[in-house]
Amino acid sequence: MVIGLKHGKSNAEEEHLKQLSYDLVNKFTEMFKARNKTIKCRDLIGIDISTKEGLDKAREMGLFTSLCAKYVQDAVEIIEIIL
């Protein structure tokens, strides 16, 4: 979302910004994967939170605090580098 807000096109004459956004998203994905091996939440935390049971288990285990904070920090650091 941050990449789109900064470099997304706001009218038809800005078509070149669409490709720039795609390129930056690809760069972000590559860098995040280099740090964490994947961009998929269920693979990052080891639980499928799309189910009620998985979400409850992740909450019970404190994964959003213990693991997700690091992934958010990684994402912010990468965004700061590429933007």
N, C-alpha and C. Protein backbone atom coordinates (compact mmCIF):
# COMPACT_ATOMS: atom_id res chain seq x y z
N MET A 1 0.82 -1.19 0.00
CA MET A 1 0.00 0.00 0.00
C MET A 1 0.86 1.26 0.00
N VAL A 2 1.92 1.23 0.75
CA VAL A 2 2.80 2.40 0.82
C VAL A 2 3.38 2.71 -0.56
N ILE A 3 3.81 1.68 -1.25
CA ILE A 3 4.38 1.88 -2.60
C ILE A 3 3.33 2.48 -3.52
N GLY A 4 2.12 1.97 -3.48
CA GLY A 4 1.04 2.48 -4.32
C GLY A 4 0.68 3.92 -3.99
N LEU A 5 0.68 4.25 -2.71
CA LEU A 5 0.39 5.63 -2.32
C LEU A 5 1.46 6.60 -2.81
N LYS A 6 2.70 6.17 -2.75
CA LYS A 6 3.79 7.06 -3.15
C LYS A 6 3.95 7.12 -4.67
N HIS A 7 3.83 5.98 -5.34
CA HIS A 7 4.15 5.93 -6.77
C HIS A 7 2.99 5.49 -7.67
N GLY A 8 1.82 5.29 -7.11
CA GLY A 8 0.70 4.85 -7.93
C GLY A 8 0.20 5.95 -8.84
N LYS A 9 -0.40 5.54 -9.94
CA LYS A 9 -0.90 6.54 -10.88
C LYS A 9 -2.25 7.07 -10.40
N SER A 10 -2.47 8.34 -10.64
CA SER A 10 -3.73 8.95 -10.24
C SER A 10 -4.57 9.37 -11.44
N ASN A 11 -3.99 9.23 -12.63
CA ASN A 11 -4.77 9.49 -13.85
C ASN A 11 -4.16 8.70 -15.02
N ALA A 12 -4.84 8.69 -16.13
CA ALA A 12 -4.44 7.87 -17.28
C ALA A 12 -3.10 8.27 -17.88
N GLU A 13 -2.69 9.51 -17.70
CA GLU A 13 -1.43 9.98 -18.27
C GLU A 13 -0.21 9.46 -17.50
N GLU A 14 -0.42 8.86 -16.37
CA GLU A 14 0.70 8.41 -15.53
C GLU A 14 0.93 6.90 -15.61
N GLU A 15 0.75 6.34 -16.76
CA GLU A 15 0.89 4.90 -16.96
C GLU A 15 2.28 4.40 -16.56
N HIS A 16 3.32 5.21 -16.76
CA HIS A 16 4.68 4.80 -16.39
C HIS A 16 4.81 4.52 -14.90
N LEU A 17 3.98 5.17 -14.07
CA LEU A 17 4.04 4.94 -12.62
C LEU A 17 3.54 3.55 -12.24
N LYS A 18 2.67 2.99 -13.06
CA LYS A 18 2.18 1.64 -12.81
C LYS A 18 3.34 0.64 -12.84
N GLN A 19 4.18 0.74 -13.85
CA GLN A 19 5.33 -0.16 -13.96
C GLN A 19 6.33 0.08 -12.83
N LEU A 20 6.53 1.33 -12.48
CA LEU A 20 7.42 1.65 -11.37
C LEU A 20 6.92 1.00 -10.09
N SER A 21 5.62 1.09 -9.84
CA SER A 21 5.04 0.46 -8.65
C SER A 21 5.25 -1.05 -8.68
N TYR A 22 5.01 -1.69 -9.82
CA TYR A 22 5.22 -3.14 -9.95
C TYR A 22 6.67 -3.49 -9.67
N ASP A 23 7.57 -2.72 -10.21
CA ASP A 23 9.00 -2.99 -10.00
C ASP A 23 9.38 -2.87 -8.53
N LEU A 24 8.86 -1.86 -7.86
CA LEU A 24 9.16 -1.67 -6.44
C LEU A 24 8.54 -2.77 -5.57
N VAL A 25 7.34 -3.19 -5.92
CA VAL A 25 6.72 -4.30 -5.19
C VAL A 25 7.54 -5.57 -5.36
N ASN A 26 8.02 -5.83 -6.57
CA ASN A 26 8.87 -7.00 -6.80
C ASN A 26 10.16 -6.90 -5.99
N LYS A 27 10.75 -5.73 -5.94
CA LYS A 27 11.97 -5.52 -5.15
C LYS A 27 11.70 -5.74 -3.67
N PHE A 28 10.59 -5.20 -3.19
CA PHE A 28 10.20 -5.41 -1.79
C PHE A 28 10.05 -6.90 -1.50
N THR A 29 9.34 -7.60 -2.36
CA THR A 29 9.11 -9.04 -2.16
C THR A 29 10.43 -9.81 -2.13
N GLU A 30 11.32 -9.51 -3.04
CA GLU A 30 12.63 -10.17 -3.07
C GLU A 30 13.39 -9.94 -1.77
N MET A 31 13.39 -8.70 -1.31
CA MET A 31 14.15 -8.37 -0.10
C MET A 31 13.52 -9.00 1.14
N PHE A 32 12.19 -9.02 1.20
CA PHE A 32 11.52 -9.64 2.34
C PHE A 32 11.78 -11.14 2.36
N LYS A 33 11.70 -11.77 1.20
CA LYS A 33 11.99 -13.21 1.11
C LYS A 33 13.45 -13.51 1.47
N ALA A 34 14.36 -12.64 1.12
CA ALA A 34 15.76 -12.85 1.46
C ALA A 34 15.96 -12.87 2.98
N ARG A 35 15.16 -12.09 3.67
CA ARG A 35 15.26 -12.05 5.13
C ARG A 35 14.48 -13.18 5.80
N ASN A 36 13.33 -13.55 5.20
CA ASN A 36 12.38 -14.42 5.90
C ASN A 36 11.94 -15.67 5.13
N LYS A 37 12.49 -15.90 3.96
CA LYS A 37 12.24 -17.08 3.13
C LYS A 37 10.87 -17.11 2.43
N THR A 38 9.91 -16.33 2.90
CA THR A 38 8.57 -16.35 2.33
C THR A 38 7.87 -15.03 2.64
N ILE A 39 6.74 -14.80 1.95
CA ILE A 39 5.91 -13.65 2.29
C ILE A 39 4.54 -14.11 2.80
N LYS A 40 4.31 -15.41 2.85
CA LYS A 40 3.01 -15.96 3.27
C LYS A 40 2.93 -16.02 4.80
N CYS A 41 1.90 -15.42 5.33
CA CYS A 41 1.71 -15.36 6.77
C CYS A 41 1.74 -16.75 7.40
N ARG A 42 1.00 -17.69 6.84
CA ARG A 42 0.92 -19.02 7.47
C ARG A 42 2.28 -19.71 7.49
N ASP A 43 3.13 -19.40 6.52
CA ASP A 43 4.47 -19.97 6.52
C ASP A 43 5.39 -19.22 7.48
N LEU A 44 5.17 -17.92 7.63
CA LEU A 44 5.99 -17.13 8.54
C LEU A 44 5.75 -17.52 10.00
N ILE A 45 4.46 -17.71 10.37
CA ILE A 45 4.17 -18.00 11.77
C ILE A 45 3.87 -19.48 12.03
N GLY A 46 3.72 -20.24 10.97
CA GLY A 46 3.51 -21.67 11.13
C GLY A 46 2.10 -22.09 11.47
N ILE A 47 1.15 -21.18 11.34
CA ILE A 47 -0.25 -21.47 11.63
C ILE A 47 -1.12 -20.76 10.60
N ASP A 48 -2.19 -21.43 10.18
CA ASP A 48 -3.13 -20.83 9.24
C ASP A 48 -4.17 -20.03 10.02
N ILE A 49 -4.04 -18.72 10.01
CA ILE A 49 -4.94 -17.87 10.79
C ILE A 49 -6.23 -17.53 10.04
N SER A 50 -6.43 -18.14 8.87
CA SER A 50 -7.68 -17.89 8.14
C SER A 50 -8.82 -18.72 8.72
N THR A 51 -8.50 -19.62 9.65
CA THR A 51 -9.53 -20.40 10.34
C THR A 51 -9.66 -19.87 11.77
N LYS A 52 -10.83 -20.04 12.36
CA LYS A 52 -11.04 -19.60 13.73
C LYS A 52 -10.09 -20.33 14.68
N GLU A 53 -9.91 -21.62 14.44
CA GLU A 53 -9.04 -22.41 15.30
C GLU A 53 -7.59 -21.91 15.22
N GLY A 54 -7.14 -21.66 14.00
CA GLY A 54 -5.78 -21.17 13.81
C GLY A 54 -5.58 -19.81 14.42
N LEU A 55 -6.53 -18.92 14.22
CA LEU A 55 -6.45 -17.58 14.79
C LEU A 55 -6.42 -17.65 16.32
N ASP A 56 -7.30 -18.47 16.89
CA ASP A 56 -7.32 -18.62 18.35
C ASP A 56 -5.99 -19.16 18.86
N LYS A 57 -5.43 -20.14 18.16
CA LYS A 57 -4.17 -20.74 18.57
C LYS A 57 -3.03 -19.72 18.50
N ALA A 58 -2.99 -18.94 17.41
CA ALA A 58 -1.95 -17.92 17.26
C ALA A 58 -2.05 -16.89 18.37
N ARG A 59 -3.26 -16.49 18.72
CA ARG A 59 -3.46 -15.53 19.81
C ARG A 59 -3.00 -16.14 21.13
N GLU A 60 -3.43 -17.38 21.36
CA GLU A 60 -3.07 -18.08 22.61
C GLU A 60 -1.55 -18.20 22.76
N MET A 61 -0.86 -18.44 21.65
CA MET A 61 0.59 -18.61 21.68
C MET A 61 1.34 -17.27 21.66
N GLY A 62 0.60 -16.17 21.49
CA GLY A 62 1.22 -14.85 21.48
C GLY A 62 2.06 -14.58 20.24
N LEU A 63 1.70 -15.24 19.12
CA LEU A 63 2.51 -15.13 17.91
C LEU A 63 2.48 -13.73 17.29
N PHE A 64 1.37 -13.03 17.46
CA PHE A 64 1.28 -11.70 16.85
C PHE A 64 2.28 -10.74 17.50
N THR A 65 2.57 -10.96 18.75
CA THR A 65 3.55 -10.14 19.44
C THR A 65 4.96 -10.68 19.25
N SER A 66 5.11 -11.98 19.41
CA SER A 66 6.45 -12.57 19.39
C SER A 66 7.05 -12.68 18.00
N LEU A 67 6.24 -12.92 16.98
CA LEU A 67 6.76 -13.10 15.62
C LEU A 67 6.41 -11.95 14.68
N CYS A 68 5.17 -11.55 14.68
CA CYS A 68 4.71 -10.58 13.68
C CYS A 68 5.38 -9.22 13.81
N ALA A 69 5.70 -8.83 15.02
CA ALA A 69 6.36 -7.54 15.20
C ALA A 69 7.67 -7.48 14.42
N LYS A 70 8.42 -8.59 14.39
CA LYS A 70 9.67 -8.64 13.64
C LYS A 70 9.41 -8.50 12.15
N TYR A 71 8.35 -9.14 11.65
CA TYR A 71 8.05 -9.07 10.23
C TYR A 71 7.60 -7.67 9.82
N VAL A 72 6.85 -7.01 10.68
CA VAL A 72 6.45 -5.63 10.42
C VAL A 72 7.69 -4.73 10.40
N GLN A 73 8.58 -4.95 11.35
CA GLN A 73 9.82 -4.17 11.39
C GLN A 73 10.63 -4.40 10.12
N ASP A 74 10.75 -5.65 9.68
CA ASP A 74 11.45 -5.94 8.43
C ASP A 74 10.81 -5.19 7.27
N ALA A 75 9.48 -5.22 7.19
CA ALA A 75 8.78 -4.55 6.09
C ALA A 75 9.06 -3.05 6.10
N VAL A 76 9.03 -2.44 7.26
CA VAL A 76 9.29 -1.00 7.37
C VAL A 76 10.72 -0.68 6.94
N GLU A 77 11.67 -1.48 7.41
CA GLU A 77 13.07 -1.24 7.04
C GLU A 77 13.26 -1.36 5.53
N ILE A 78 12.63 -2.35 4.91
CA ILE A 78 12.75 -2.53 3.46
C ILE A 78 12.12 -1.37 2.72
N ILE A 79 10.95 -0.94 3.15
CA ILE A 79 10.28 0.21 2.51
C ILE A 79 11.16 1.44 2.61
N GLU A 80 11.78 1.64 3.76
CA GLU A 80 12.68 2.80 3.91
C GLU A 80 13.84 2.72 2.93
N ILE A 81 14.35 1.53 2.68
CA ILE A 81 15.47 1.36 1.75
C ILE A 81 15.04 1.63 0.31
N ILE A 82 13.91 1.05 -0.12
CA ILE A 82 13.55 1.15 -1.54
C ILE A 82 12.84 2.44 -1.90
N LEU A 83 12.31 3.14 -0.91
CA LEU A 83 11.65 4.42 -1.24
C LEU A 83 12.56 5.58 -0.91
